[in-house]
Amino acid sequence: MADRVLVGAGLRRSFGDLVAVDDVGFHIDAGETYGLLGPNGAGKTTTISMIVGLLERDGGDITVAGQPMTTRSVRAKAAIGYVPQDLAIYPDLSGRENLLFFARLYGMSGSRAKARTAEVLEVIGLADRGGDLSKKYSGGMKRRLNIGIALLHQPRLLVLDEPTVGVDPQSRNAILDNVRSLSGKGMAVLYTTHYMEEAEHLCDRVGIIDHGKLIAEGTRRELVGLVGERDRVSLGATGDLAATAQALAALPGVHEAGATEDGIALVVDDARGLLPEILAQASDAGATIKTVEVTEPDLEAVFLHLTGRALRD
């Protein structure tokens, strides 16, 4: 069985008459990046606050690294690195001094704190700016320092709440590269974002939350399948296009195939998996393929279908 770092089940939280989170549950394994997507007010922040032990829950269970989580849990919290949406750094300290300060709060000895600070500065790409006051950093550099603070104690679970909002493209790419690297080294990552393309390329699985409920969960392919979306393949081709389209339509996994003015248009289940067979069959049918274009349904379409609104609403 996979190393299950986070398990949440039946999470509930109300604020007066408002039910903010209603029976939400999901898990994250070691080395997995899980994306939590939802419109503003959907319950993401409340869910994260319960997971990291900042907010009491009305019901449900949470375990982190095998330890039960409550607002008073020390061991469970020690396994988490939390990167809040708001910056949690001291502007009048340098990047290095910020890291050293938080390392000591984590209980590290002086020598260990210095060693981890040097390592983290390398990881977040600020080794050459570690001595500068953090208030002089760009917005992206401050975000990277924020993440570095959460990495100091080498947590089992890294929780990032909108870590790339308002940062420059270079810092955004650096942050995403860091997250990929960390999950590749076995860290579990819980990631919320307003940028759908980040979830598309970064997350192994995605949970969509709306009105406090987890309404869908799975890989990108699984979520697309829930709403019946299929891939589209456009072949720029010459030859007997009608006969080629007829031959392609007979392939398993091909739902539609028709000749167009300058090629063949197909609707298929798994374009990337079927493409070699499609090209071979087209060649056998006498067509000459000049261009290939694949359009895969994205999470934006799924999200809009399930919630009736865009992620930024």
C-alpha atoms as a PDB file:
ATOM      1  CA  MET A   1       0.000   0.000   0.000  1.00  0.00           C
ATOM      2  CA  ALA A   2       1.222   3.492  -0.806  1.00  0.00           C
ATOM      3  CA  ASP A   3       2.572   5.675   1.978  1.00  0.00           C
ATOM      4  CA  ARG A   4      -0.551   7.694   2.763  1.00  0.00           C
ATOM      5  CA  VAL A   5       0.635  10.999   4.228  1.00  0.00           C
ATOM      6  CA  LEU A   6      -2.695  12.815   4.544  1.00  0.00           C
ATOM      7  CA  VAL A   7      -6.124  11.307   5.120  1.00  0.00           C
ATOM      8  CA  GLY A   8      -9.178  13.493   5.633  1.00  0.00           C
ATOM      9  CA  ALA A   9     -12.677  12.035   5.934  1.00  0.00           C
ATOM     10  CA  GLY A  10     -16.095  13.550   6.534  1.00  0.00           C
ATOM     11  CA  LEU A  11     -14.775  17.046   7.260  1.00  0.00           C
ATOM     12  CA  ARG A  12     -17.446  19.524   8.269  1.00  0.00           C
ATOM     13  CA  ARG A  13     -17.370  23.120   9.427  1.00  0.00           C
ATOM     14  CA  SER A  14     -20.110  25.727   9.821  1.00  0.00           C
ATOM     15  CA  PHE A  15     -20.064  29.399  10.719  1.00  0.00           C
ATOM     16  CA  GLY A  16     -23.496  30.092  12.153  1.00  0.00           C
ATOM     17  CA  ASP A  17     -26.007  29.147   9.482  1.00  0.00           C
ATOM     18  CA  LEU A  18     -23.339  28.999   6.785  1.00  0.00           C
ATOM     19  CA  VAL A  19     -22.075  25.478   6.022  1.00  0.00           C
ATOM     20  CA  ALA A  20     -18.578  26.187   4.713  1.00  0.00           C
ATOM     21  CA  VAL A  21     -17.368  22.577   4.417  1.00  0.00           C
ATOM     22  CA  ASP A  22     -19.778  19.667   4.123  1.00  0.00           C
ATOM     23  CA  ASP A  23     -18.518  16.055   4.282  1.00  0.00           C
ATOM     24  CA  VAL A  24     -15.225  16.633   2.434  1.00  0.00           C
ATOM     25  CA  GLY A  25     -12.655  13.848   2.311  1.00  0.00           C
ATOM     26  CA  PHE A  26      -9.549  13.005   0.293  1.00  0.00           C
ATOM     27  CA  HIS A  27      -6.068  11.540   0.728  1.00  0.00           C
ATOM     28  CA  ILE A  28      -2.561  12.327  -0.523  1.00  0.00           C
ATOM     29  CA  ASP A  29       0.230   9.779  -0.861  1.00  0.00           C
ATOM     30  CA  ALA A  30       3.960  10.346  -0.585  1.00  0.00           C
ATOM     31  CA  GLY A  31       5.314  11.796  -3.814  1.00  0.00           C
ATOM     32  CA  GLU A  32       1.857  12.908  -4.972  1.00  0.00           C
ATOM     33  CA  THR A  33       0.690  16.436  -5.734  1.00  0.00           C
ATOM     34  CA  TYR A  34      -3.024  16.941  -5.084  1.00  0.00           C
ATOM     35  CA  GLY A  35      -4.749  20.038  -6.418  1.00  0.00           C
ATOM     36  CA  LEU A  36      -7.753  21.498  -4.595  1.00  0.00           C
ATOM     37  CA  LEU A  37      -9.729  23.700  -6.974  1.00  0.00           C
ATOM     38  CA  GLY A  38     -12.810  25.765  -6.325  1.00  0.00           C
ATOM     39  CA  PRO A  39     -14.304  29.225  -6.913  1.00  0.00           C
ATOM     40  CA  ASN A  40     -13.895  31.906  -4.264  1.00  0.00           C
ATOM     41  CA  GLY A  41     -16.016  30.988  -1.252  1.00  0.00           C
ATOM     42  CA  ALA A  42     -16.150  27.290  -2.173  1.00  0.00           C
ATOM     43  CA  GLY A  43     -14.537  26.140   1.081  1.00  0.00           C
ATOM     44  CA  LYS A  44     -10.879  25.699   0.083  1.00  0.00           C
ATOM     45  CA  THR A  45      -9.350  27.906   2.770  1.00  0.00           C
ATOM     46  CA  THR A  46     -11.581  26.465   5.495  1.00  0.00           C
ATOM     47  CA  THR A  47     -10.606  22.936   4.440  1.00  0.00           C
ATOM     48  CA  ILE A  48      -6.905  23.778   4.443  1.00  0.00           C
ATOM     49  CA  SER A  49      -7.184  25.512   7.816  1.00  0.00           C
ATOM     50  CA  MET A  50      -8.653  22.350   9.342  1.00  0.00           C
ATOM     51  CA  ILE A  51      -6.031  20.137   7.687  1.00  0.00           C
ATOM     52  CA  VAL A  52      -3.104  22.141   9.098  1.00  0.00           C
ATOM     53  CA  GLY A  53      -4.693  22.387  12.550  1.00  0.00           C
ATOM     54  CA  LEU A  54      -5.457  26.113  12.563  1.00  0.00           C
ATOM     55  CA  LEU A  55      -9.233  25.697  12.741  1.00  0.00           C
ATOM     56  CA  GLU A  56     -11.399  23.384  14.812  1.00  0.00           C
ATOM     57  CA  ARG A  57     -13.690  21.171  12.765  1.00  0.00           C
ATOM     58  CA  ASP A  58     -17.293  20.327  13.588  1.00  0.00           C
ATOM     59  CA  GLY A  59     -16.860  16.750  12.419  1.00  0.00           C
ATOM     60  CA  GLY A  60     -14.683  14.321  10.534  1.00  0.00           C
ATOM     61  CA  ASP A  61     -11.166  12.955  10.959  1.00  0.00           C
ATOM     62  CA  ILE A  62      -7.713  14.028   9.801  1.00  0.00           C
ATOM     63  CA  THR A  63      -4.421  12.166  10.078  1.00  0.00           C
ATOM     64  CA  VAL A  64      -1.069  13.491   8.894  1.00  0.00           C
ATOM     65  CA  ALA A  65       1.867  11.075   8.685  1.00  0.00           C
ATOM     66  CA  GLY A  66      -0.161   8.639  10.766  1.00  0.00           C
ATOM     67  CA  GLN A  67      -0.820  11.162  13.541  1.00  0.00           C
ATOM     68  CA  PRO A  68      -4.313  12.491  14.376  1.00  0.00           C
ATOM     69  CA  MET A  69      -4.687  16.206  13.712  1.00  0.00           C
ATOM     70  CA  THR A  70      -6.430  18.681  16.007  1.00  0.00           C
ATOM     71  CA  THR A  71      -5.659  22.313  16.780  1.00  0.00           C
ATOM     72  CA  ARG A  72      -3.526  21.031  19.683  1.00  0.00           C
ATOM     73  CA  SER A  73      -1.659  18.257  17.828  1.00  0.00           C
ATOM     74  CA  VAL A  74       2.091  18.790  17.994  1.00  0.00           C
ATOM     75  CA  ARG A  75       3.329  15.685  16.151  1.00  0.00           C
ATOM     76  CA  ALA A  76       0.915  16.015  13.248  1.00  0.00           C
ATOM     77  CA  LYS A  77       1.726  19.712  12.806  1.00  0.00           C
ATOM     78  CA  ALA A  78       5.447  18.960  12.873  1.00  0.00           C
ATOM     79  CA  ALA A  79       4.990  16.893   9.710  1.00  0.00           C
ATOM     80  CA  ILE A  80       3.517  19.849   7.784  1.00  0.00           C
ATOM     81  CA  GLY A  81       5.113  22.729   5.941  1.00  0.00           C
ATOM     82  CA  TYR A  82       2.437  25.394   5.444  1.00  0.00           C
ATOM     83  CA  VAL A  83       2.777  28.196   2.896  1.00  0.00           C
ATOM     84  CA  PRO A  84      -0.114  30.625   3.479  1.00  0.00           C
ATOM     85  CA  GLN A  85      -1.463  32.958   0.827  1.00  0.00           C
ATOM     86  CA  ASP A  86      -0.318  35.958   2.863  1.00  0.00           C
ATOM     87  CA  LEU A  87       3.437  36.359   3.230  1.00  0.00           C
ATOM     88  CA  ALA A  88       4.811  35.245   6.608  1.00  0.00           C
ATOM     89  CA  ILE A  89       8.267  36.808   6.556  1.00  0.00           C
ATOM     90  CA  TYR A  90       9.991  39.622   8.444  1.00  0.00           C
ATOM     91  CA  PRO A  91      10.791  42.464   5.997  1.00  0.00           C
ATOM     92  CA  ASP A  92      13.578  43.969   8.143  1.00  0.00           C
ATOM     93  CA  LEU A  93      15.492  40.674   8.210  1.00  0.00           C
ATOM     94  CA  SER A  94      17.519  39.331   5.326  1.00  0.00           C
ATOM     95  CA  GLY A  95      16.419  36.186   3.561  1.00  0.00           C
ATOM     96  CA  ARG A  96      19.082  34.228   5.443  1.00  0.00           C
ATOM     97  CA  GLU A  97      18.088  35.748   8.786  1.00  0.00           C
ATOM     98  CA  ASN A  98      14.438  34.897   8.165  1.00  0.00           C
ATOM     99  CA  LEU A  99      15.348  31.281   7.525  1.00  0.00           C
ATOM    100  CA  LEU A 100      17.653  31.093  10.549  1.00  0.00           C
ATOM    101  CA  PHE A 101      14.959  32.568  12.776  1.00  0.00           C
ATOM    102  CA  PHE A 102      12.333  30.061  11.700  1.00  0.00           C
ATOM    103  CA  ALA A 103      14.809  27.184  11.834  1.00  0.00           C
ATOM    104  CA  ARG A 104      15.408  27.939  15.509  1.00  0.00           C
ATOM    105  CA  LEU A 105      11.638  28.089  16.060  1.00  0.00           C
ATOM    106  CA  TYR A 106      11.527  24.582  14.612  1.00  0.00           C
ATOM    107  CA  GLY A 107      13.961  23.589  17.377  1.00  0.00           C
ATOM    108  CA  MET A 108      17.097  23.159  15.283  1.00  0.00           C
ATOM    109  CA  SER A 109      20.522  23.633  16.847  1.00  0.00           C
ATOM    110  CA  GLY A 110      22.636  26.538  15.659  1.00  0.00           C
ATOM    111  CA  SER A 111      24.795  24.427  13.358  1.00  0.00           C
ATOM    112  CA  ARG A 112      21.822  22.526  11.959  1.00  0.00           C
ATOM    113  CA  ALA A 113      19.907  25.762  11.393  1.00  0.00           C
ATOM    114  CA  LYS A 114      22.823  27.233   9.429  1.00  0.00           C
ATOM    115  CA  ALA A 115      23.195  24.087   7.331  1.00  0.00           C
ATOM    116  CA  ARG A 116      19.488  23.876   6.491  1.00  0.00           C
ATOM    117  CA  THR A 117      19.352  27.601   5.725  1.00  0.00           C
ATOM    118  CA  ALA A 118      22.166  27.240   3.200  1.00  0.00           C
ATOM    119  CA  GLU A 119      20.479  24.204   1.633  1.00  0.00           C
ATOM    120  CA  VAL A 120      17.085  25.897   1.378  1.00  0.00           C
ATOM    121  CA  LEU A 121      18.529  29.084  -0.134  1.00  0.00           C
ATOM    122  CA  GLU A 122      19.924  26.900  -2.916  1.00  0.00           C
ATOM    123  CA  VAL A 123      16.616  25.087  -3.399  1.00  0.00           C
ATOM    124  CA  ILE A 124      14.601  28.311  -3.742  1.00  0.00           C
ATOM    125  CA  GLY A 125      17.213  30.012  -5.916  1.00  0.00           C
ATOM    126  CA  LEU A 126      18.119  32.803  -3.492  1.00  0.00           C
ATOM    127  CA  ALA A 127      21.640  31.778  -2.475  1.00  0.00           C
ATOM    128  CA  ASP A 128      23.127  34.872  -4.101  1.00  0.00           C
ATOM    129  CA  ARG A 129      20.564  37.192  -2.459  1.00  0.00           C
ATOM    130  CA  GLY A 130      20.439  35.614   1.003  1.00  0.00           C
ATOM    131  CA  GLY A 131      22.149  38.595   2.631  1.00  0.00           C
ATOM    132  CA  ASP A 132      19.703  41.185   1.242  1.00  0.00           C
ATOM    133  CA  LEU A 133      16.830  42.502   3.329  1.00  0.00           C
ATOM    134  CA  SER A 134      13.670  40.665   2.332  1.00  0.00           C
ATOM    135  CA  LYS A 135      11.779  43.945   1.958  1.00  0.00           C
ATOM    136  CA  LYS A 136      14.012  44.630  -1.038  1.00  0.00           C
ATOM    137  CA  TYR A 137      12.980  41.371  -2.704  1.00  0.00           C
ATOM    138  CA  SER A 138      10.592  41.273  -5.634  1.00  0.00           C
ATOM    139  CA  GLY A 139       7.157  39.766  -5.066  1.00  0.00           C
ATOM    140  CA  GLY A 140       8.279  36.491  -6.594  1.00  0.00           C
ATOM    141  CA  MET A 141      11.390  36.303  -4.428  1.00  0.00           C
ATOM    142  CA  LYS A 142       9.300  36.887  -1.309  1.00  0.00           C
ATOM    143  CA  ARG A 143       7.007  34.034  -2.355  1.00  0.00           C
ATOM    144  CA  ARG A 144      10.002  31.765  -2.826  1.00  0.00           C
ATOM    145  CA  LEU A 145      11.329  32.714   0.611  1.00  0.00           C
ATOM    146  CA  ASN A 146       7.883  31.962   2.046  1.00  0.00           C
ATOM    147  CA  ILE A 147       8.106  28.469   0.569  1.00  0.00           C
ATOM    148  CA  GLY A 148      11.673  28.069   1.830  1.00  0.00           C
ATOM    149  CA  ILE A 149      10.552  28.689   5.418  1.00  0.00           C
ATOM    150  CA  ALA A 150       8.051  25.825   5.087  1.00  0.00           C
ATOM    151  CA  LEU A 151      10.781  23.494   3.794  1.00  0.00           C
ATOM    152  CA  LEU A 152      13.305  24.040   6.578  1.00  0.00           C
ATOM    153  CA  HIS A 153      12.198  21.106   8.742  1.00  0.00           C
ATOM    154  CA  GLN A 154      11.795  18.734   5.769  1.00  0.00           C
ATOM    155  CA  PRO A 155       8.059  18.145   6.189  1.00  0.00           C
ATOM    156  CA  ARG A 156       6.203  15.060   4.989  1.00  0.00           C
ATOM    157  CA  LEU A 157       3.330  17.234   3.697  1.00  0.00           C
ATOM    158  CA  LEU A 158       3.736  20.611   1.999  1.00  0.00           C
ATOM    159  CA  VAL A 159       0.569  22.729   1.854  1.00  0.00           C
ATOM    160  CA  LEU A 160       0.645  25.641  -0.605  1.00  0.00           C
ATOM    161  CA  ASP A 161      -2.243  28.102  -0.779  1.00  0.00           C
ATOM    162  CA  GLU A 162      -2.131  30.094  -4.048  1.00  0.00           C
ATOM    163  CA  PRO A 163       1.699  30.289  -4.056  1.00  0.00           C
ATOM    164  CA  THR A 164       2.071  31.985  -7.456  1.00  0.00           C
ATOM    165  CA  VAL A 165      -0.522  34.760  -7.201  1.00  0.00           C
ATOM    166  CA  GLY A 166       0.946  38.072  -8.325  1.00  0.00           C
ATOM    167  CA  VAL A 167       4.461  36.837  -9.082  1.00  0.00           C
ATOM    168  CA  ASP A 168       6.546  37.378 -12.191  1.00  0.00           C
ATOM    169  CA  PRO A 169       6.784  34.560 -14.772  1.00  0.00           C
ATOM    170  CA  GLN A 170      10.375  33.696 -13.845  1.00  0.00           C
ATOM    171  CA  SER A 171       9.548  33.242 -10.160  1.00  0.00           C
ATOM    172  CA  ARG A 172       6.365  31.390 -11.049  1.00  0.00           C
ATOM    173  CA  ASN A 173       8.336  28.881 -13.121  1.00  0.00           C
ATOM    174  CA  ALA A 174      10.885  28.526 -10.323  1.00  0.00           C
ATOM    175  CA  ILE A 175       8.116  27.812  -7.806  1.00  0.00           C
ATOM    176  CA  LEU A 176       6.523  25.196 -10.056  1.00  0.00           C
ATOM    177  CA  ASP A 177       9.900  23.565 -10.691  1.00  0.00           C
ATOM    178  CA  ASN A 178      10.489  23.425  -6.930  1.00  0.00           C
ATOM    179  CA  VAL A 179       7.128  21.751  -6.330  1.00  0.00           C
ATOM    180  CA  ARG A 180       7.783  19.162  -9.058  1.00  0.00           C
ATOM    181  CA  SER A 181      11.200  18.423  -7.588  1.00  0.00           C
ATOM    182  CA  LEU A 182       9.873  18.046  -4.048  1.00  0.00           C
ATOM    183  CA  SER A 183       7.091  15.666  -5.037  1.00  0.00           C
ATOM    184  CA  GLY A 184       9.630  13.733  -7.094  1.00  0.00           C
ATOM    185  CA  LYS A 185      11.648  13.254  -3.908  1.00  0.00           C
ATOM    186  CA  GLY A 186       8.678  11.779  -2.062  1.00  0.00           C
ATOM    187  CA  MET A 187       7.049  14.800  -0.424  1.00  0.00           C
ATOM    188  CA  ALA A 188       3.240  14.918  -0.463  1.00  0.00           C
ATOM    189  CA  VAL A 189       1.920  18.249  -1.733  1.00  0.00           C
ATOM    190  CA  LEU A 190      -1.500  19.875  -1.308  1.00  0.00           C
ATOM    191  CA  TYR A 191      -1.807  22.703  -3.817  1.00  0.00           C
ATOM    192  CA  THR A 192      -4.516  25.303  -4.401  1.00  0.00           C
ATOM    193  CA  THR A 193      -4.367  27.654  -7.358  1.00  0.00           C
ATOM    194  CA  HIS A 194      -6.436  29.988  -9.510  1.00  0.00           C
ATOM    195  CA  TYR A 195      -4.326  29.054 -12.530  1.00  0.00           C
ATOM    196  CA  MET A 196      -5.936  26.053 -14.193  1.00  0.00           C
ATOM    197  CA  GLU A 197      -2.850  25.322 -16.296  1.00  0.00           C
ATOM    198  CA  GLU A 198      -0.832  24.842 -13.106  1.00  0.00           C
ATOM    199  CA  ALA A 199      -3.226  22.159 -11.931  1.00  0.00           C
ATOM    200  CA  GLU A 200      -3.174  20.590 -15.412  1.00  0.00           C
ATOM    201  CA  HIS A 201       0.586  20.169 -15.481  1.00  0.00           C
ATOM    202  CA  LEU A 202       1.514  19.930 -11.804  1.00  0.00           C
ATOM    203  CA  CYS A 203      -1.115  17.832 -10.039  1.00  0.00           C
ATOM    204  CA  ASP A 204      -1.372  14.053 -10.141  1.00  0.00           C
ATOM    205  CA  ARG A 205      -4.972  14.235  -8.940  1.00  0.00           C
ATOM    206  CA  VAL A 206      -7.428  17.094  -8.564  1.00  0.00           C
ATOM    207  CA  GLY A 207     -10.388  17.600  -6.260  1.00  0.00           C
ATOM    208  CA  ILE A 208     -13.055  20.123  -7.274  1.00  0.00           C
ATOM    209  CA  ILE A 209     -14.869  21.744  -4.352  1.00  0.00           C
ATOM    210  CA  ASP A 210     -17.969  23.905  -4.666  1.00  0.00           C
ATOM    211  CA  HIS A 211     -20.450  25.145  -2.046  1.00  0.00           C
ATOM    212  CA  GLY A 212     -18.483  23.257   0.598  1.00  0.00           C
ATOM    213  CA  LYS A 213     -18.739  19.859  -1.112  1.00  0.00           C
ATOM    214  CA  LEU A 214     -16.146  17.846  -3.009  1.00  0.00           C
ATOM    215  CA  ILE A 215     -18.103  17.316  -6.210  1.00  0.00           C
ATOM    216  CA  ALA A 216     -15.472  15.472  -8.269  1.00  0.00           C
ATOM    217  CA  GLU A 217     -12.004  13.994  -7.876  1.00  0.00           C
ATOM    218  CA  GLY A 218      -9.493  12.195 -10.058  1.00  0.00           C
ATOM    219  CA  THR A 219      -6.737  12.541 -12.619  1.00  0.00           C
ATOM    220  CA  ARG A 220      -7.229  14.988 -15.458  1.00  0.00           C
ATOM    221  CA  ARG A 221      -8.241  12.120 -17.728  1.00  0.00           C
ATOM    222  CA  GLU A 222     -10.713  10.750 -15.171  1.00  0.00           C
ATOM    223  CA  LEU A 223     -12.310  14.151 -14.606  1.00  0.00           C
ATOM    224  CA  VAL A 224     -12.654  14.766 -18.326  1.00  0.00           C
ATOM    225  CA  GLY A 225     -14.301  11.363 -18.623  1.00  0.00           C
ATOM    226  CA  LEU A 226     -16.906  12.337 -16.034  1.00  0.00           C
ATOM    227  CA  VAL A 227     -18.391  14.929 -18.351  1.00  0.00           C
ATOM    228  CA  GLY A 228     -18.029  12.866 -21.509  1.00  0.00           C
ATOM    229  CA  GLU A 229     -15.388  15.000 -23.178  1.00  0.00           C
ATOM    230  CA  ARG A 230     -13.177  13.362 -25.805  1.00  0.00           C
ATOM    231  CA  ASP A 231      -9.974  14.273 -27.623  1.00  0.00           C
ATOM    232  CA  ARG A 232     -10.025  15.724 -31.120  1.00  0.00           C
ATOM    233  CA  VAL A 233      -7.416  14.955 -33.764  1.00  0.00           C
ATOM    234  CA  SER A 234      -7.026  16.988 -36.948  1.00  0.00           C
ATOM    235  CA  LEU A 235      -4.898  15.457 -39.699  1.00  0.00           C
ATOM    236  CA  GLY A 236      -3.669  17.625 -42.544  1.00  0.00           C
ATOM    237  CA  ALA A 237      -3.542  15.102 -45.375  1.00  0.00           C
ATOM    238  CA  THR A 238      -3.761  14.402 -49.085  1.00  0.00           C
ATOM    239  CA  GLY A 239      -4.946  11.309 -50.949  1.00  0.00           C
ATOM    240  CA  ASP A 240      -8.258   9.469 -50.819  1.00  0.00           C
ATOM    241  CA  LEU A 241      -9.522  11.220 -47.718  1.00  0.00           C
ATOM    242  CA  ALA A 242     -12.998   9.676 -47.735  1.00  0.00           C
ATOM    243  CA  ALA A 243     -11.628   6.115 -47.843  1.00  0.00           C
ATOM    244  CA  THR A 244      -9.034   6.966 -45.188  1.00  0.00           C
ATOM    245  CA  ALA A 245     -11.679   8.442 -42.889  1.00  0.00           C
ATOM    246  CA  GLN A 246     -13.795   5.312 -43.311  1.00  0.00           C
ATOM    247  CA  ALA A 247     -10.828   3.097 -42.390  1.00  0.00           C
ATOM    248  CA  LEU A 248      -9.985   5.223 -39.357  1.00  0.00           C
ATOM    249  CA  ALA A 249     -13.597   5.171 -38.142  1.00  0.00           C
ATOM    250  CA  ALA A 250     -13.319   1.388 -37.759  1.00  0.00           C
ATOM    251  CA  LEU A 251     -10.460   1.637 -35.247  1.00  0.00           C
ATOM    252  CA  PRO A 252     -11.292   0.889 -31.578  1.00  0.00           C
ATOM    253  CA  GLY A 253     -11.456   4.126 -29.598  1.00  0.00           C
ATOM    254  CA  VAL A 254     -12.345   6.259 -32.618  1.00  0.00           C
ATOM    255  CA  HIS A 255     -15.879   7.632 -32.294  1.00  0.00           C
ATOM    256  CA  GLU A 256     -15.987   9.905 -35.328  1.00  0.00           C
ATOM    257  CA  ALA A 257     -13.841  10.282 -38.443  1.00  0.00           C
ATOM    258  CA  GLY A 258     -14.692  12.443 -41.409  1.00  0.00           C
ATOM    259  CA  ALA A 259     -12.973  13.993 -44.386  1.00  0.00           C
ATOM    260  CA  THR A 260     -12.533  17.760 -44.404  1.00  0.00           C
ATOM    261  CA  GLU A 261     -11.394  20.151 -47.101  1.00  0.00           C
ATOM    262  CA  ASP A 262      -7.734  19.626 -46.322  1.00  0.00           C
ATOM    263  CA  GLY A 263      -7.586  16.485 -44.193  1.00  0.00           C
ATOM    264  CA  ILE A 264      -9.442  14.332 -41.688  1.00  0.00           C
ATOM    265  CA  ALA A 265     -11.089  15.229 -38.371  1.00  0.00           C
ATOM    266  CA  LEU A 266     -11.451  12.604 -35.646  1.00  0.00           C
ATOM    267  CA  VAL A 267     -13.046  12.347 -32.210  1.00  0.00           C
ATOM    268  CA  VAL A 268     -11.274   9.740 -30.060  1.00  0.00           C
ATOM    269  CA  ASP A 269     -10.961   8.497 -26.493  1.00  0.00           C
ATOM    270  CA  ASP A 270      -7.198   8.784 -25.997  1.00  0.00           C
ATOM    271  CA  ALA A 271      -5.418  10.692 -28.745  1.00  0.00           C
ATOM    272  CA  ARG A 272      -1.899  10.227 -27.431  1.00  0.00           C
ATOM    273  CA  GLY A 273      -2.350   6.474 -27.070  1.00  0.00           C
ATOM    274  CA  LEU A 274      -4.130   6.008 -30.418  1.00  0.00           C
ATOM    275  CA  LEU A 275      -2.031   8.339 -32.546  1.00  0.00           C
ATOM    276  CA  PRO A 276       0.581   5.760 -33.719  1.00  0.00           C
ATOM    277  CA  GLU A 277      -2.198   3.398 -34.865  1.00  0.00           C
ATOM    278  CA  ILE A 278      -4.129   6.245 -36.497  1.00  0.00           C
ATOM    279  CA  LEU A 279      -1.081   7.343 -38.499  1.00  0.00           C
ATOM    280  CA  ALA A 280      -0.247   3.768 -39.523  1.00  0.00           C
ATOM    281  CA  GLN A 281      -3.822   3.081 -40.640  1.00  0.00           C
ATOM    282  CA  ALA A 282      -3.982   6.359 -42.569  1.00  0.00           C
ATOM    283  CA  SER A 283      -0.776   5.490 -44.374  1.00  0.00           C
ATOM    284  CA  ASP A 284      -2.063   1.995 -45.195  1.00  0.00           C
ATOM    285  CA  ALA A 285      -5.205   3.600 -46.613  1.00  0.00           C
ATOM    286  CA  GLY A 286      -3.071   5.633 -49.010  1.00  0.00           C
ATOM    287  CA  ALA A 287      -3.152   9.036 -47.331  1.00  0.00           C
ATOM    288  CA  THR A 288      -0.099  11.248 -46.941  1.00  0.00           C
ATOM    289  CA  ILE A 289      -0.099  12.959 -43.543  1.00  0.00           C
ATOM    290  CA  LYS A 290       1.388  16.447 -43.519  1.00  0.00           C
ATOM    291  CA  THR A 291       0.323  17.820 -40.124  1.00  0.00           C
ATOM    292  CA  VAL A 292      -1.135  16.475 -36.885  1.00  0.00           C
ATOM    293  CA  GLU A 293      -2.983  18.570 -34.314  1.00  0.00           C
ATOM    294  CA  VAL A 294      -4.343  17.149 -31.053  1.00  0.00           C
ATOM    295  CA  THR A 295      -6.823  19.029 -28.869  1.00  0.00           C
ATOM    296  CA  GLU A 296      -7.438  17.539 -25.446  1.00  0.00           C
ATOM    297  CA  PRO A 297     -10.305  18.748 -23.230  1.00  0.00           C
ATOM    298  CA  ASP A 298      -8.923  20.656 -20.254  1.00  0.00           C
ATOM    299  CA  LEU A 299      -9.834  21.119 -16.617  1.00  0.00           C
ATOM    300  CA  GLU A 300     -11.304  24.531 -17.396  1.00  0.00           C
ATOM    301  CA  ALA A 301     -14.069  22.880 -19.434  1.00  0.00           C
ATOM    302  CA  VAL A 302     -14.652  20.272 -16.726  1.00  0.00           C
ATOM    303  CA  PHE A 303     -14.723  22.898 -13.990  1.00  0.00           C
ATOM    304  CA  LEU A 304     -17.179  25.075 -15.874  1.00  0.00           C
ATOM    305  CA  HIS A 305     -19.409  22.075 -16.586  1.00  0.00           C
ATOM    306  CA  LEU A 306     -19.457  20.913 -12.951  1.00  0.00           C
ATOM    307  CA  THR A 307     -19.782  24.267 -11.179  1.00  0.00           C
ATOM    308  CA  GLY A 308     -21.432  26.448 -13.802  1.00  0.00           C
ATOM    309  CA  ARG A 309     -18.836  29.171 -13.272  1.00  0.00           C
ATOM    310  CA  ALA A 310     -15.197  29.930 -14.009  1.00  0.00           C
ATOM    311  CA  LEU A 311     -12.537  29.322 -11.374  1.00  0.00           C
ATOM    312  CA  ARG A 312     -11.982  33.066 -10.863  1.00  0.00           C
ATOM    313  CA  ASP A 313     -15.667  33.804 -10.181  1.00  0.00           C
END
